Amino acid sequence: MKLKITIENRIYEVDVEAFEPEPVHHHFSQQAGVAPPPAATAAPEVSDKLGRSPVAGVVVRIPAQLGQSVQPGDAVVVLEAMKMETLITAAVAGKVKSVLVKIGEPVQSGQALFELE
């Protein structure tokens, strides 16, 4: 299977060989870039407002500022893990209520990184 991967606005084509009988899809809304649209009448869940790390790594950038309005898919925190950067994005629209980490700080998988209001 061929995949296109974009890293820092550069597109790479890679060949991937699947070893599982059926594809397994993992979804990390904070990392995926764009979360699925919420139902028209459903209010955002508290978990949607809390950005968590999908991997263990180190905080390398915090592009969002306290009080900044963000849309789904906007980068709030950038982690580095195994020499690769992972964007942790907003799952829902809101304002950055708090950033719970600092640049250079190591984080664990599942750790809360930021909260939206």
PDB file of N, CA and C in Angstrom:
ATOM      1  N   MET A   1       0.847  -1.156   0.000  1.00  0.00           N
ATOM      2  CA  MET A   1       0.000   0.000   0.000  1.00  0.00           C
ATOM      3  C   MET A   1       0.903   1.231   0.000  1.00  0.00           C
ATOM      4  N   LYS A   2       0.557   2.218  -0.813  1.00  0.00           N
ATOM      5  CA  LYS A   2       1.310   3.469  -0.855  1.00  0.00           C
ATOM      6  C   LYS A   2       0.581   4.508  -0.030  1.00  0.00           C
ATOM      7  N   LEU A   3       1.363   5.275   0.720  1.00  0.00           N
ATOM      8  CA  LEU A   3       0.815   6.356   1.526  1.00  0.00           C
ATOM      9  C   LEU A   3       1.582   7.630   1.226  1.00  0.00           C
ATOM     10  N   LYS A   4       0.901   8.752   1.343  1.00  0.00           N
ATOM     11  CA  LYS A   4       1.549  10.052   1.258  1.00  0.00           C
ATOM     12  C   LYS A   4       1.572  10.623   2.662  1.00  0.00           C
ATOM     13  N   ILE A   5       2.736  11.053   3.103  1.00  0.00           N
ATOM     14  CA  ILE A   5       2.898  11.628   4.430  1.00  0.00           C
ATOM     15  C   ILE A   5       3.455  13.034   4.257  1.00  0.00           C
ATOM     16  N   THR A   6       2.842  14.003   4.951  1.00  0.00           N
ATOM     17  CA  THR A   6       3.301  15.384   4.896  1.00  0.00           C
ATOM     18  C   THR A   6       3.956  15.737   6.225  1.00  0.00           C
ATOM     19  N   ILE A   7       5.201  16.160   6.174  1.00  0.00           N
ATOM     20  CA  ILE A   7       5.941  16.596   7.346  1.00  0.00           C
ATOM     21  C   ILE A   7       6.521  17.964   7.032  1.00  0.00           C
ATOM     22  N   GLU A   8       6.120  18.960   7.829  1.00  0.00           N
ATOM     23  CA  GLU A   8       6.570  20.336   7.635  1.00  0.00           C
ATOM     24  C   GLU A   8       6.443  20.772   6.174  1.00  0.00           C
ATOM     25  N   ASN A   9       5.257  20.571   5.611  1.00  0.00           N
ATOM     26  CA  ASN A   9       4.904  20.967   4.245  1.00  0.00           C
ATOM     27  C   ASN A   9       5.688  20.238   3.162  1.00  0.00           C
ATOM     28  N   ARG A  10       6.364  19.145   3.485  1.00  0.00           N
ATOM     29  CA  ARG A  10       7.029  18.308   2.493  1.00  0.00           C
ATOM     30  C   ARG A  10       6.251  17.007   2.385  1.00  0.00           C
ATOM     31  N   ILE A  11       5.992  16.557   1.164  1.00  0.00           N
ATOM     32  CA  ILE A  11       5.217  15.338   0.941  1.00  0.00           C
ATOM     33  C   ILE A  11       6.178  14.192   0.613  1.00  0.00           C
ATOM     34  N   TYR A  12       5.996  13.091   1.331  1.00  0.00           N
ATOM     35  CA  TYR A  12       6.795  11.892   1.116  1.00  0.00           C
ATOM     36  C   TYR A  12       5.854  10.754   0.736  1.00  0.00           C
ATOM     37  N   GLU A  13       6.238   9.965  -0.272  1.00  0.00           N
ATOM     38  CA  GLU A  13       5.476   8.768  -0.617  1.00  0.00           C
ATOM     39  C   GLU A  13       6.213   7.576  -0.042  1.00  0.00           C
ATOM     40  N   VAL A  14       5.471   6.726   0.679  1.00  0.00           N
ATOM     41  CA  VAL A  14       6.080   5.551   1.299  1.00  0.00           C
ATOM     42  C   VAL A  14       5.260   4.321   0.968  1.00  0.00           C
ATOM     43  N   ASP A  15       5.924   3.173   0.886  1.00  0.00           N
ATOM     44  CA  ASP A  15       5.254   1.892   0.709  1.00  0.00           C
ATOM     45  C   ASP A  15       5.118   1.249   2.074  1.00  0.00           C
ATOM     46  N   VAL A  16       3.918   0.770   2.376  1.00  0.00           N
ATOM     47  CA  VAL A  16       3.643   0.144   3.661  1.00  0.00           C
ATOM     48  C   VAL A  16       3.094  -1.246   3.406  1.00  0.00           C
ATOM     49  N   GLU A  17       3.620  -2.210   4.126  1.00  0.00           N
ATOM     50  CA  GLU A  17       3.167  -3.579   3.996  1.00  0.00           C
ATOM     51  C   GLU A  17       2.344  -3.934   5.231  1.00  0.00           C
ATOM     52  N   ALA A  18       1.101  -4.369   5.037  1.00  0.00           N
ATOM     53  CA  ALA A  18       0.231  -4.714   6.155  1.00  0.00           C
ATOM     54  C   ALA A  18       0.420  -6.185   6.513  1.00  0.00           C
ATOM     55  N   PHE A  19       0.599  -6.448   7.809  1.00  0.00           N
ATOM     56  CA  PHE A  19       0.775  -7.814   8.269  1.00  0.00           C
ATOM     57  C   PHE A  19      -0.460  -8.335   8.993  1.00  0.00           C
ATOM     58  N   GLU A  20      -1.457  -7.501   9.188  1.00  0.00           N
ATOM     59  CA  GLU A  20      -2.671  -7.906   9.874  1.00  0.00           C
ATOM     60  C   GLU A  20      -3.707  -8.306   8.834  1.00  0.00           C
ATOM     61  N   PRO A  21      -4.580  -9.281   9.148  1.00  0.00           N
ATOM     62  CA  PRO A  21      -5.567  -9.715   8.169  1.00  0.00           C
ATOM     63  C   PRO A  21      -6.535  -8.605   7.767  1.00  0.00           C
ATOM     64  N   GLU A  22      -6.892  -7.742   8.705  1.00  0.00           N
ATOM     65  CA  GLU A  22      -7.765  -6.613   8.405  1.00  0.00           C
ATOM     66  C   GLU A  22      -7.118  -5.352   8.950  1.00  0.00           C
ATOM     67  N   PRO A  23      -7.283  -4.206   8.267  1.00  0.00           N
ATOM     68  CA  PRO A  23      -6.684  -2.981   8.784  1.00  0.00           C
ATOM     69  C   PRO A  23      -7.260  -2.618  10.149  1.00  0.00           C
ATOM     70  N   VAL A  24      -6.399  -2.109  11.013  1.00  0.00           N
ATOM     71  CA  VAL A  24      -6.807  -1.640  12.325  1.00  0.00           C
ATOM     72  C   VAL A  24      -6.685  -0.128  12.308  1.00  0.00           C
ATOM     73  N   HIS A  25      -7.758   0.560  12.668  1.00  0.00           N
ATOM     74  CA  HIS A  25      -7.752   2.016  12.639  1.00  0.00           C
ATOM     75  C   HIS A  25      -7.712   2.542  14.067  1.00  0.00           C
ATOM     76  N   HIS A  26      -6.684   3.323  14.362  1.00  0.00           N
ATOM     77  CA  HIS A  26      -6.571   3.976  15.664  1.00  0.00           C
ATOM     78  C   HIS A  26      -6.879   5.437  15.454  1.00  0.00           C
ATOM     79  N   HIS A  27      -7.646   6.016  16.362  1.00  0.00           N
ATOM     80  CA  HIS A  27      -8.012   7.424  16.208  1.00  0.00           C
ATOM     81  C   HIS A  27      -7.590   8.200  17.449  1.00  0.00           C
ATOM     82  N   PHE A  28      -6.710   9.172  17.247  1.00  0.00           N
ATOM     83  CA  PHE A  28      -6.344  10.118  18.291  1.00  0.00           C
ATOM     84  C   PHE A  28      -6.781  11.463  17.776  1.00  0.00           C
ATOM     85  N   SER A  29      -7.912  11.955  18.241  1.00  0.00           N
ATOM     86  CA  SER A  29      -8.436  13.195  17.682  1.00  0.00           C
ATOM     87  C   SER A  29      -7.467  14.351  17.851  1.00  0.00           C
ATOM     88  N   GLN A  30      -6.646  14.342  18.933  1.00  0.00           N
ATOM     89  CA  GLN A  30      -5.712  15.430  19.132  1.00  0.00           C
ATOM     90  C   GLN A  30      -4.574  15.377  18.123  1.00  0.00           C
ATOM     91  N   GLN A  31      -4.263  14.218  17.618  1.00  0.00           N
ATOM     92  CA  GLN A  31      -3.146  14.081  16.706  1.00  0.00           C
ATOM     93  C   GLN A  31      -3.586  14.046  15.254  1.00  0.00           C
ATOM     94  N   ALA A  32      -4.778  13.581  14.983  1.00  0.00           N
ATOM     95  CA  ALA A  32      -5.208  13.323  13.629  1.00  0.00           C
ATOM     96  C   ALA A  32      -5.311  14.576  12.779  1.00  0.00           C
ATOM     97  N   GLY A  33      -5.399  15.724  13.353  1.00  0.00           N
ATOM     98  CA  GLY A  33      -5.453  16.954  12.577  1.00  0.00           C
ATOM     99  C   GLY A  33      -6.850  17.520  12.504  1.00  0.00           C
ATOM    100  N   VAL A  34      -7.836  16.691  12.130  1.00  0.00           N
ATOM    101  CA  VAL A  34      -9.203  17.177  12.052  1.00  0.00           C
ATOM    102  C   VAL A  34     -10.109  16.163  12.720  1.00  0.00           C
ATOM    103  N   ALA A  35     -10.829  16.597  13.705  1.00  0.00           N
ATOM    104  CA  ALA A  35     -11.769  15.718  14.404  1.00  0.00           C
ATOM    105  C   ALA A  35     -13.054  15.633  13.600  1.00  0.00           C
ATOM    106  N   PRO A  36     -13.803  14.541  13.746  1.00  0.00           N
ATOM    107  CA  PRO A  36     -15.078  14.466  13.046  1.00  0.00           C
ATOM    108  C   PRO A  36     -16.020  15.550  13.558  1.00  0.00           C
ATOM    109  N   PRO A  37     -16.908  16.065  12.690  1.00  0.00           N
ATOM    110  CA  PRO A  37     -17.796  17.129  13.132  1.00  0.00           C
ATOM    111  C   PRO A  37     -18.732  16.623  14.225  1.00  0.00           C
ATOM    112  N   PRO A  38     -18.971  17.437  15.267  1.00  0.00           N
ATOM    113  CA  PRO A  38     -19.882  17.013  16.331  1.00  0.00           C
ATOM    114  C   PRO A  38     -21.325  17.014  15.843  1.00  0.00           C
ATOM    115  N   ALA A  39     -22.171  16.248  16.488  1.00  0.00           N
ATOM    116  CA  ALA A  39     -23.593  16.242  16.157  1.00  0.00           C
ATOM    117  C   ALA A  39     -24.153  17.639  16.411  1.00  0.00           C
ATOM    118  N   ALA A  40     -25.124  18.036  15.641  1.00  0.00           N
ATOM    119  CA  ALA A  40     -25.652  19.397  15.711  1.00  0.00           C
ATOM    120  C   ALA A  40     -26.177  19.763  17.093  1.00  0.00           C
ATOM    121  N   THR A  41     -26.762  18.820  17.814  1.00  0.00           N
ATOM    122  CA  THR A  41     -27.348  19.148  19.104  1.00  0.00           C
ATOM    123  C   THR A  41     -26.468  18.734  20.277  1.00  0.00           C
ATOM    124  N   ALA A  42     -25.383  18.016  20.014  1.00  0.00           N
ATOM    125  CA  ALA A  42     -24.542  17.523  21.109  1.00  0.00           C
ATOM    126  C   ALA A  42     -23.563  18.591  21.563  1.00  0.00           C
ATOM    127  N   ALA A  43     -23.481  18.783  22.860  1.00  0.00           N
ATOM    128  CA  ALA A  43     -22.490  19.704  23.429  1.00  0.00           C
ATOM    129  C   ALA A  43     -21.151  18.985  23.497  1.00  0.00           C
ATOM    130  N   PRO A  44     -20.034  19.704  23.364  1.00  0.00           N
ATOM    131  CA  PRO A  44     -18.738  19.052  23.466  1.00  0.00           C
ATOM    132  C   PRO A  44     -18.578  18.378  24.825  1.00  0.00           C
ATOM    133  N   GLU A  45     -17.985  17.192  24.805  1.00  0.00           N
ATOM    134  CA  GLU A  45     -17.720  16.496  26.059  1.00  0.00           C
ATOM    135  C   GLU A  45     -16.486  17.101  26.715  1.00  0.00           C
ATOM    136  N   VAL A  46     -16.398  16.946  28.028  1.00  0.00           N
ATOM    137  CA  VAL A  46     -15.248  17.474  28.761  1.00  0.00           C
ATOM    138  C   VAL A  46     -13.960  16.899  28.189  1.00  0.00           C
ATOM    139  N   SER A  47     -13.972  15.608  27.814  1.00  0.00           N
ATOM    140  CA  SER A  47     -12.760  14.981  27.285  1.00  0.00           C
ATOM    141  C   SER A  47     -12.317  15.620  25.975  1.00  0.00           C
ATOM    142  N   ASP A  48     -13.278  16.170  25.189  1.00  0.00           N
ATOM    143  CA  ASP A  48     -12.936  16.848  23.943  1.00  0.00           C
ATOM    144  C   ASP A  48     -12.189  18.148  24.205  1.00  0.00           C
ATOM    145  N   LYS A  49     -12.388  18.719  25.392  1.00  0.00           N
ATOM    146  CA  LYS A  49     -11.766  19.993  25.726  1.00  0.00           C
ATOM    147  C   LYS A  49     -10.399  19.815  26.373  1.00  0.00           C
ATOM    148  N   LEU A  50     -10.038  18.583  26.669  1.00  0.00           N
ATOM    149  CA  LEU A  50      -8.763  18.288  27.311  1.00  0.00           C
ATOM    150  C   LEU A  50      -7.856  17.591  26.298  1.00  0.00           C
ATOM    151  N   GLY A  51      -6.757  18.245  25.915  1.00  0.00           N
ATOM    152  CA  GLY A  51      -5.820  17.664  24.961  1.00  0.00           C
ATOM    153  C   GLY A  51      -4.827  16.759  25.677  1.00  0.00           C
ATOM    154  N   ARG A  52      -4.770  15.497  25.277  1.00  0.00           N
ATOM    155  CA  ARG A  52      -3.882  14.525  25.914  1.00  0.00           C
ATOM    156  C   ARG A  52      -2.827  14.044  24.923  1.00  0.00           C
ATOM    157  N   SER A  53      -1.704  13.643  25.459  1.00  0.00           N
ATOM    158  CA  SER A  53      -0.611  13.137  24.635  1.00  0.00           C
ATOM    159  C   SER A  53      -0.896  11.700  24.203  1.00  0.00           C
ATOM    160  N   PRO A  54      -0.807  11.412  22.902  1.00  0.00           N
ATOM    161  CA  PRO A  54      -1.001  10.034  22.442  1.00  0.00           C
ATOM    162  C   PRO A  54       0.279   9.197  22.587  1.00  0.00           C
ATOM    163  N   VAL A  55       1.399   9.863  22.861  1.00  0.00           N
ATOM    164  CA  VAL A  55       2.697   9.173  22.965  1.00  0.00           C
ATOM    165  C   VAL A  55       3.531   9.795  24.086  1.00  0.00           C
ATOM    166  N   ALA A  56       4.534   9.054  24.529  1.00  0.00           N
ATOM    167  CA  ALA A  56       5.525   9.627  25.448  1.00  0.00           C
ATOM    168  C   ALA A  56       6.501  10.435  24.610  1.00  0.00           C
ATOM    169  N   GLY A  57       6.902  11.590  25.089  1.00  0.00           N
ATOM    170  CA  GLY A  57       7.821  12.432  24.336  1.00  0.00           C
ATOM    171  C   GLY A  57       8.215  13.654  25.139  1.00  0.00           C
ATOM    172  N   VAL A  58       8.726  14.663  24.416  1.00  0.00           N
ATOM    173  CA  VAL A  58       9.172  15.910  25.030  1.00  0.00           C
ATOM    174  C   VAL A  58       8.481  17.066  24.318  1.00  0.00           C
ATOM    175  N   VAL A  59       8.007  18.039  25.070  1.00  0.00           N
ATOM    176  CA  VAL A  59       7.363  19.224  24.493  1.00  0.00           C
ATOM    177  C   VAL A  59       8.438  20.076  23.818  1.00  0.00           C
ATOM    178  N   VAL A  60       8.262  20.347  22.508  1.00  0.00           N
ATOM    179  CA  VAL A  60       9.248  21.160  21.789  1.00  0.00           C
ATOM    180  C   VAL A  60       8.715  22.536  21.400  1.00  0.00           C
ATOM    181  N   ARG A  61       7.387  22.666  21.262  1.00  0.00           N
ATOM    182  CA  ARG A  61       6.789  23.969  20.937  1.00  0.00           C
ATOM    183  C   ARG A  61       5.381  24.023  21.494  1.00  0.00           C
ATOM    184  N   ILE A  62       4.950  25.239  21.782  1.00  0.00           N
ATOM    185  CA  ILE A  62       3.563  25.483  22.191  1.00  0.00           C
ATOM    186  C   ILE A  62       3.072  26.636  21.323  1.00  0.00           C
ATOM    187  N   PRO A  63       2.538  26.324  20.116  1.00  0.00           N
ATOM    188  CA  PRO A  63       2.151  27.377  19.187  1.00  0.00           C
ATOM    189  C   PRO A  63       0.932  28.202  19.633  1.00  0.00           C
ATOM    190  N   ALA A  64       0.088  27.662  20.494  1.00  0.00           N
ATOM    191  CA  ALA A  64      -1.103  28.394  20.945  1.00  0.00           C
ATOM    192  C   ALA A  64      -0.808  29.134  22.249  1.00  0.00           C
ATOM    193  N   GLN A  65      -1.438  30.270  22.421  1.00  0.00           N
ATOM    194  CA  GLN A  65      -1.265  31.091  23.615  1.00  0.00           C
ATOM    195  C   GLN A  65      -2.527  31.008  24.479  1.00  0.00           C
ATOM    196  N   LEU A  66      -2.380  31.277  25.765  1.00  0.00           N
ATOM    197  CA  LEU A  66      -3.544  31.321  26.653  1.00  0.00           C
ATOM    198  C   LEU A  66      -4.557  32.325  26.113  1.00  0.00           C
ATOM    199  N   GLY A  67      -5.824  31.943  26.119  1.00  0.00           N
ATOM    200  CA  GLY A  67      -6.881  32.821  25.640  1.00  0.00           C
ATOM    201  C   GLY A  67      -7.073  32.827  24.139  1.00  0.00           C
ATOM    202  N   GLN A  68      -6.188  32.176  23.400  1.00  0.00           N
ATOM    203  CA  GLN A  68      -6.282  32.153  21.940  1.00  0.00           C
ATOM    204  C   GLN A  68      -7.448  31.273  21.499  1.00  0.00           C
ATOM    205  N   SER A  69      -8.213  31.738  20.525  1.00  0.00           N
ATOM    206  CA  SER A  69      -9.283  30.927  19.943  1.00  0.00           C
ATOM    207  C   SER A  69      -8.669  29.904  18.998  1.00  0.00           C
ATOM    208  N   VAL A  70      -9.146  28.669  19.086  1.00  0.00           N
ATOM    209  CA  VAL A  70      -8.667  27.603  18.209  1.00  0.00           C
ATOM    210  C   VAL A  70      -9.858  26.886  17.595  1.00  0.00           C
ATOM    211  N   GLN A  71      -9.621  26.313  16.435  1.00  0.00           N
ATOM    212  CA  GLN A  71     -10.615  25.520  15.723  1.00  0.00           C
ATOM    213  C   GLN A  71     -10.149  24.063  15.721  1.00  0.00           C
ATOM    214  N   PRO A  72     -11.058  23.120  15.471  1.00  0.00           N
ATOM    215  CA  PRO A  72     -10.627  21.723  15.385  1.00  0.00           C
ATOM    216  C   PRO A  72      -9.487  21.579  14.383  1.00  0.00           C
ATOM    217  N   GLY A  73      -8.428  20.908  14.805  1.00  0.00           N
ATOM    218  CA  GLY A  73      -7.276  20.704  13.931  1.00  0.00           C
ATOM    219  C   GLY A  73      -6.153  21.704  14.141  1.00  0.00           C
ATOM    220  N   ASP A  74      -6.393  22.791  14.873  1.00  0.00           N
ATOM    221  CA  ASP A  74      -5.337  23.771  15.139  1.00  0.00           C
ATOM    222  C   ASP A  74      -4.335  23.187  16.138  1.00  0.00           C
ATOM    223  N   ALA A  75      -3.048  23.335  15.846  1.00  0.00           N
ATOM    224  CA  ALA A  75      -1.998  22.830  16.734  1.00  0.00           C
ATOM    225  C   ALA A  75      -1.947  23.658  18.011  1.00  0.00           C
ATOM    226  N   VAL A  76      -1.912  22.975  19.148  1.00  0.00           N
ATOM    227  CA  VAL A  76      -1.807  23.643  20.438  1.00  0.00           C
ATOM    228  C   VAL A  76      -0.453  23.331  21.072  1.00  0.00           C
ATOM    229  N   VAL A  77      -0.011  22.073  21.002  1.00  0.00           N
ATOM    230  CA  VAL A  77       1.275  21.640  21.562  1.00  0.00           C
ATOM    231  C   VAL A  77       1.959  20.750  20.529  1.00  0.00           C
ATOM    232  N   VAL A  78       3.300  20.837  20.454  1.00  0.00           N
ATOM    233  CA  VAL A  78       4.071  19.973  19.562  1.00  0.00           C
ATOM    234  C   VAL A  78       5.032  19.158  20.417  1.00  0.00           C
ATOM    235  N   LEU A  79       4.973  17.831  20.234  1.00  0.00           N
ATOM    236  CA  LEU A  79       5.857  16.914  20.957  1.00  0.00           C
ATOM    237  C   LEU A  79       6.884  16.331  20.019  1.00  0.00           C
ATOM    238  N   GLU A  80       8.015  15.915  20.583  1.00  0.00           N
ATOM    239  CA  GLU A  80       8.995  15.148  19.827  1.00  0.00           C
ATOM    240  C   GLU A  80       9.131  13.797  20.508  1.00  0.00           C
ATOM    241  N   ALA A  81       8.993  12.753  19.700  1.00  0.00           N
ATOM    242  CA  ALA A  81       9.157  11.390  20.191  1.00  0.00           C
ATOM    243  C   ALA A  81       9.897  10.602  19.120  1.00  0.00           C
ATOM    244  N   MET A  82      10.985   9.990  19.494  1.00  0.00           N
ATOM    245  CA  MET A  82      11.797   9.205  18.556  1.00  0.00           C
ATOM    246  C   MET A  82      12.185  10.033  17.321  1.00  0.00           C
ATOM    247  N   LYS A  83      12.580  11.282  17.552  1.00  0.00           N
ATOM    248  CA  LYS A  83      13.046  12.215  16.517  1.00  0.00           C
ATOM    249  C   LYS A  83      11.965  12.592  15.499  1.00  0.00           C
ATOM    250  N   MET A  84      10.698  12.391  15.871  1.00  0.00           N
ATOM    251  CA  MET A  84       9.591  12.801  15.012  1.00  0.00           C
ATOM    252  C   MET A  84       8.693  13.745  15.803  1.00  0.00           C
ATOM    253  N   GLU A  85       8.182  14.766  15.130  1.00  0.00           N
ATOM    254  CA  GLU A  85       7.287  15.704  15.794  1.00  0.00           C
ATOM    255  C   GLU A  85       5.839  15.247  15.643  1.00  0.00           C
ATOM    256  N   THR A  86       5.083  15.414  16.717  1.00  0.00           N
ATOM    257  CA  THR A  86       3.666  15.069  16.734  1.00  0.00           C
ATOM    258  C   THR A  86       2.890  16.305  17.143  1.00  0.00           C
ATOM    259  N   LEU A  87       1.977  16.741  16.273  1.00  0.00           N
ATOM    260  CA  LEU A  87       1.127  17.885  16.586  1.00  0.00           C
ATOM    261  C   LEU A  87      -0.038  17.410  17.436  1.00  0.00           C
ATOM    262  N   ILE A  88      -0.245  18.064  18.559  1.00  0.00           N
ATOM    263  CA  ILE A  88      -1.405  17.787  19.385  1.00  0.00           C
ATOM    264  C   ILE A  88      -2.366  18.932  19.121  1.00  0.00           C
ATOM    265  N   THR A  89      -3.507  18.603  18.538  1.00  0.00           N
ATOM    266  CA  THR A  89      -4.421  19.621  18.040  1.00  0.00           C
ATOM    267  C   THR A  89      -5.707  19.679  18.853  1.00  0.00           C
ATOM    268  N   ALA A  90      -6.425  20.774  18.684  1.00  0.00           N
ATOM    269  CA  ALA A  90      -7.723  20.934  19.325  1.00  0.00           C
ATOM    270  C   ALA A  90      -8.723  19.997  18.650  1.00  0.00           C
ATOM    271  N   ALA A  91      -9.507  19.291  19.452  1.00  0.00           N
ATOM    272  CA  ALA A  91     -10.541  18.404  18.914  1.00  0.00           C
ATOM    273  C   ALA A  91     -11.832  19.172  18.643  1.00  0.00           C
ATOM    274  N   VAL A  92     -12.017  20.285  19.360  1.00  0.00           N
ATOM    275  CA  VAL A  92     -13.222  21.110  19.217  1.00  0.00           C
ATOM    276  C   VAL A  92     -12.802  22.577  19.189  1.00  0.00           C
ATOM    277  N   ALA A  93     -13.703  23.424  18.744  1.00  0.00           N
ATOM    278  CA  ALA A  93     -13.449  24.867  18.767  1.00  0.00           C
ATOM    279  C   ALA A  93     -13.538  25.367  20.207  1.00  0.00           C
ATOM    280  N   GLY A  94     -12.724  26.342  20.525  1.00  0.00           N
ATOM    281  CA  GLY A  94     -12.756  26.921  21.862  1.00  0.00           C
ATOM    282  C   GLY A  94     -11.614  27.890  22.060  1.00  0.00           C
ATOM    283  N   LYS A  95     -11.387  28.259  23.315  1.00  0.00           N
ATOM    284  CA  LYS A  95     -10.263  29.123  23.676  1.00  0.00           C
ATOM    285  C   LYS A  95      -9.343  28.322  24.581  1.00  0.00           C
ATOM    286  N   VAL A  96      -8.042  28.574  24.464  1.00  0.00           N
ATOM    287  CA  VAL A  96      -7.071  27.882  25.299  1.00  0.00           C
ATOM    288  C   VAL A  96      -7.224  28.399  26.733  1.00  0.00           C
ATOM    289  N   LYS A  97      -7.735  27.532  27.607  1.00  0.00           N
ATOM    290  CA  LYS A  97      -7.964  27.887  29.009  1.00  0.00           C
ATOM    291  C   LYS A  97      -6.683  27.733  29.814  1.00  0.00           C
ATOM    292  N   SER A  98      -5.944  26.650  29.561  1.00  0.00           N
ATOM    293  CA  SER A  98      -4.676  26.437  30.267  1.00  0.00           C
ATOM    294  C   SER A  98      -3.779  25.518  29.466  1.00  0.00           C
ATOM    295  N   VAL A  99      -2.478  25.748  29.591  1.00  0.00           N
ATOM    296  CA  VAL A  99      -1.459  24.864  29.032  1.00  0.00           C
ATOM    297  C   VAL A  99      -0.782  24.240  30.243  1.00  0.00           C
ATOM    298  N   LEU A 100      -0.807  22.921  30.321  1.00  0.00           N
ATOM    299  CA  LEU A 100      -0.385  22.201  31.514  1.00  0.00           C
ATOM    300  C   LEU A 100       1.055  21.708  31.448  1.00  0.00           C
ATOM    301  N   VAL A 101       1.781  22.072  30.381  1.00  0.00           N
ATOM    302  CA  VAL A 101       3.173  21.637  30.205  1.00  0.00           C
ATOM    303  C   VAL A 101       4.035  22.819  29.790  1.00  0.00           C
ATOM    304  N   LYS A 102       5.352  22.615  29.844  1.00  0.00           N
ATOM    305  CA  LYS A 102       6.319  23.647  29.429  1.00  0.00           C
ATOM    306  C   LYS A 102       7.253  23.065  28.383  1.00  0.00           C
ATOM    307  N   ILE A 103       7.847  23.940  27.581  1.00  0.00           N
ATOM    308  CA  ILE A 103       8.818  23.504  26.576  1.00  0.00           C
ATOM    309  C   ILE A 103       9.971  22.810  27.286  1.00  0.00           C
ATOM    310  N   GLY A 104      10.367  21.653  26.741  1.00  0.00           N
ATOM    311  CA  GLY A 104      11.455  20.872  27.309  1.00  0.00           C
ATOM    312  C   GLY A 104      10.999  19.832  28.319  1.00  0.00           C
ATOM    313  N   GLU A 105       9.731  19.871  28.695  1.00  0.00           N
ATOM    314  CA  GLU A 105       9.203  18.947  29.702  1.00  0.00           C
ATOM    315  C   GLU A 105       8.883  17.583  29.077  1.00  0.00           C
ATOM    316  N   PRO A 106       9.331  16.490  29.698  1.00  0.00           N
ATOM    317  CA  PRO A 106       8.936  15.168  29.208  1.00  0.00           C
ATOM    318  C   PRO A 106       7.486  14.882  29.600  1.00  0.00           C
ATOM    319  N   VAL A 107       6.746  14.198  28.721  1.00  0.00           N
ATOM    320  CA  VAL A 107       5.360  13.838  28.996  1.00  0.00           C
ATOM    321  C   VAL A 107       5.158  12.349  28.731  1.00  0.00           C
ATOM    322  N   GLN A 108       4.147  11.800  29.368  1.00  0.00           N
ATOM    323  CA  GLN A 108       3.799  10.388  29.203  1.00  0.00           C
ATOM    324  C   GLN A 108       2.563  10.259  28.317  1.00  0.00           C
ATOM    325  N   SER A 109       2.388   9.100  27.733  1.00  0.00           N
ATOM    326  CA  SER A 109       1.196   8.825  26.939  1.00  0.00           C
ATOM    327  C   SER A 109      -0.039   8.970  27.822  1.00  0.00           C
ATOM    328  N   GLY A 110      -1.026   9.705  27.341  1.00  0.00           N
ATOM    329  CA  GLY A 110      -2.256   9.921  28.088  1.00  0.00           C
ATOM    330  C   GLY A 110      -2.245  11.132  28.991  1.00  0.00           C
ATOM    331  N   GLN A 111      -1.087  11.750  29.157  1.00  0.00           N
ATOM    332  CA  GLN A 111      -0.973  12.913  30.053  1.00  0.00           C
ATOM    333  C   GLN A 111      -1.729  14.103  29.463  1.00  0.00           C
ATOM    334  N   ALA A 112      -2.452  14.845  30.312  1.00  0.00           N
ATOM    335  CA  ALA A 112      -3.144  16.053  29.880  1.00  0.00           C
ATOM    336  C   ALA A 112      -2.121  17.141  29.554  1.00  0.00           C
ATOM    337  N   LEU A 113      -2.273  17.777  28.387  1.00  0.00           N
ATOM    338  CA  LEU A 113      -1.343  18.814  27.944  1.00  0.00           C
ATOM    339  C   LEU A 113      -1.951  20.206  27.975  1.00  0.00           C
ATOM    340  N   PHE A 114      -3.245  20.294  27.657  1.00  0.00           N
ATOM    341  CA  PHE A 114      -3.918  21.601  27.627  1.00  0.00           C
ATOM    342  C   PHE A 114      -5.400  21.402  27.837  1.00  0.00           C
ATOM    343  N   GLU A 115      -6.082  22.510  28.180  1.00  0.00           N
ATOM    344  CA  GLU A 115      -7.531  22.486  28.355  1.00  0.00           C
ATOM    345  C   GLU A 115      -8.131  23.661  27.610  1.00  0.00           C
ATOM    346  N   LEU A 116      -9.250  23.409  26.945  1.00  0.00           N
ATOM    347  CA  LEU A 116      -9.996  24.451  26.237  1.00  0.00           C
ATOM    348  C   LEU A 116     -11.233  24.817  27.042  1.00  0.00           C
ATOM    349  N   GLU A 117     -11.712  26.043  26.840  1.00  0.00           N
ATOM    350  CA  GLU A 117     -12.982  26.438  27.477  1.00  0.00           C
ATOM    351  C   GLU A 117     -14.004  26.690  26.402  1.00  0.00           C
TER     352      GLU A 117
END
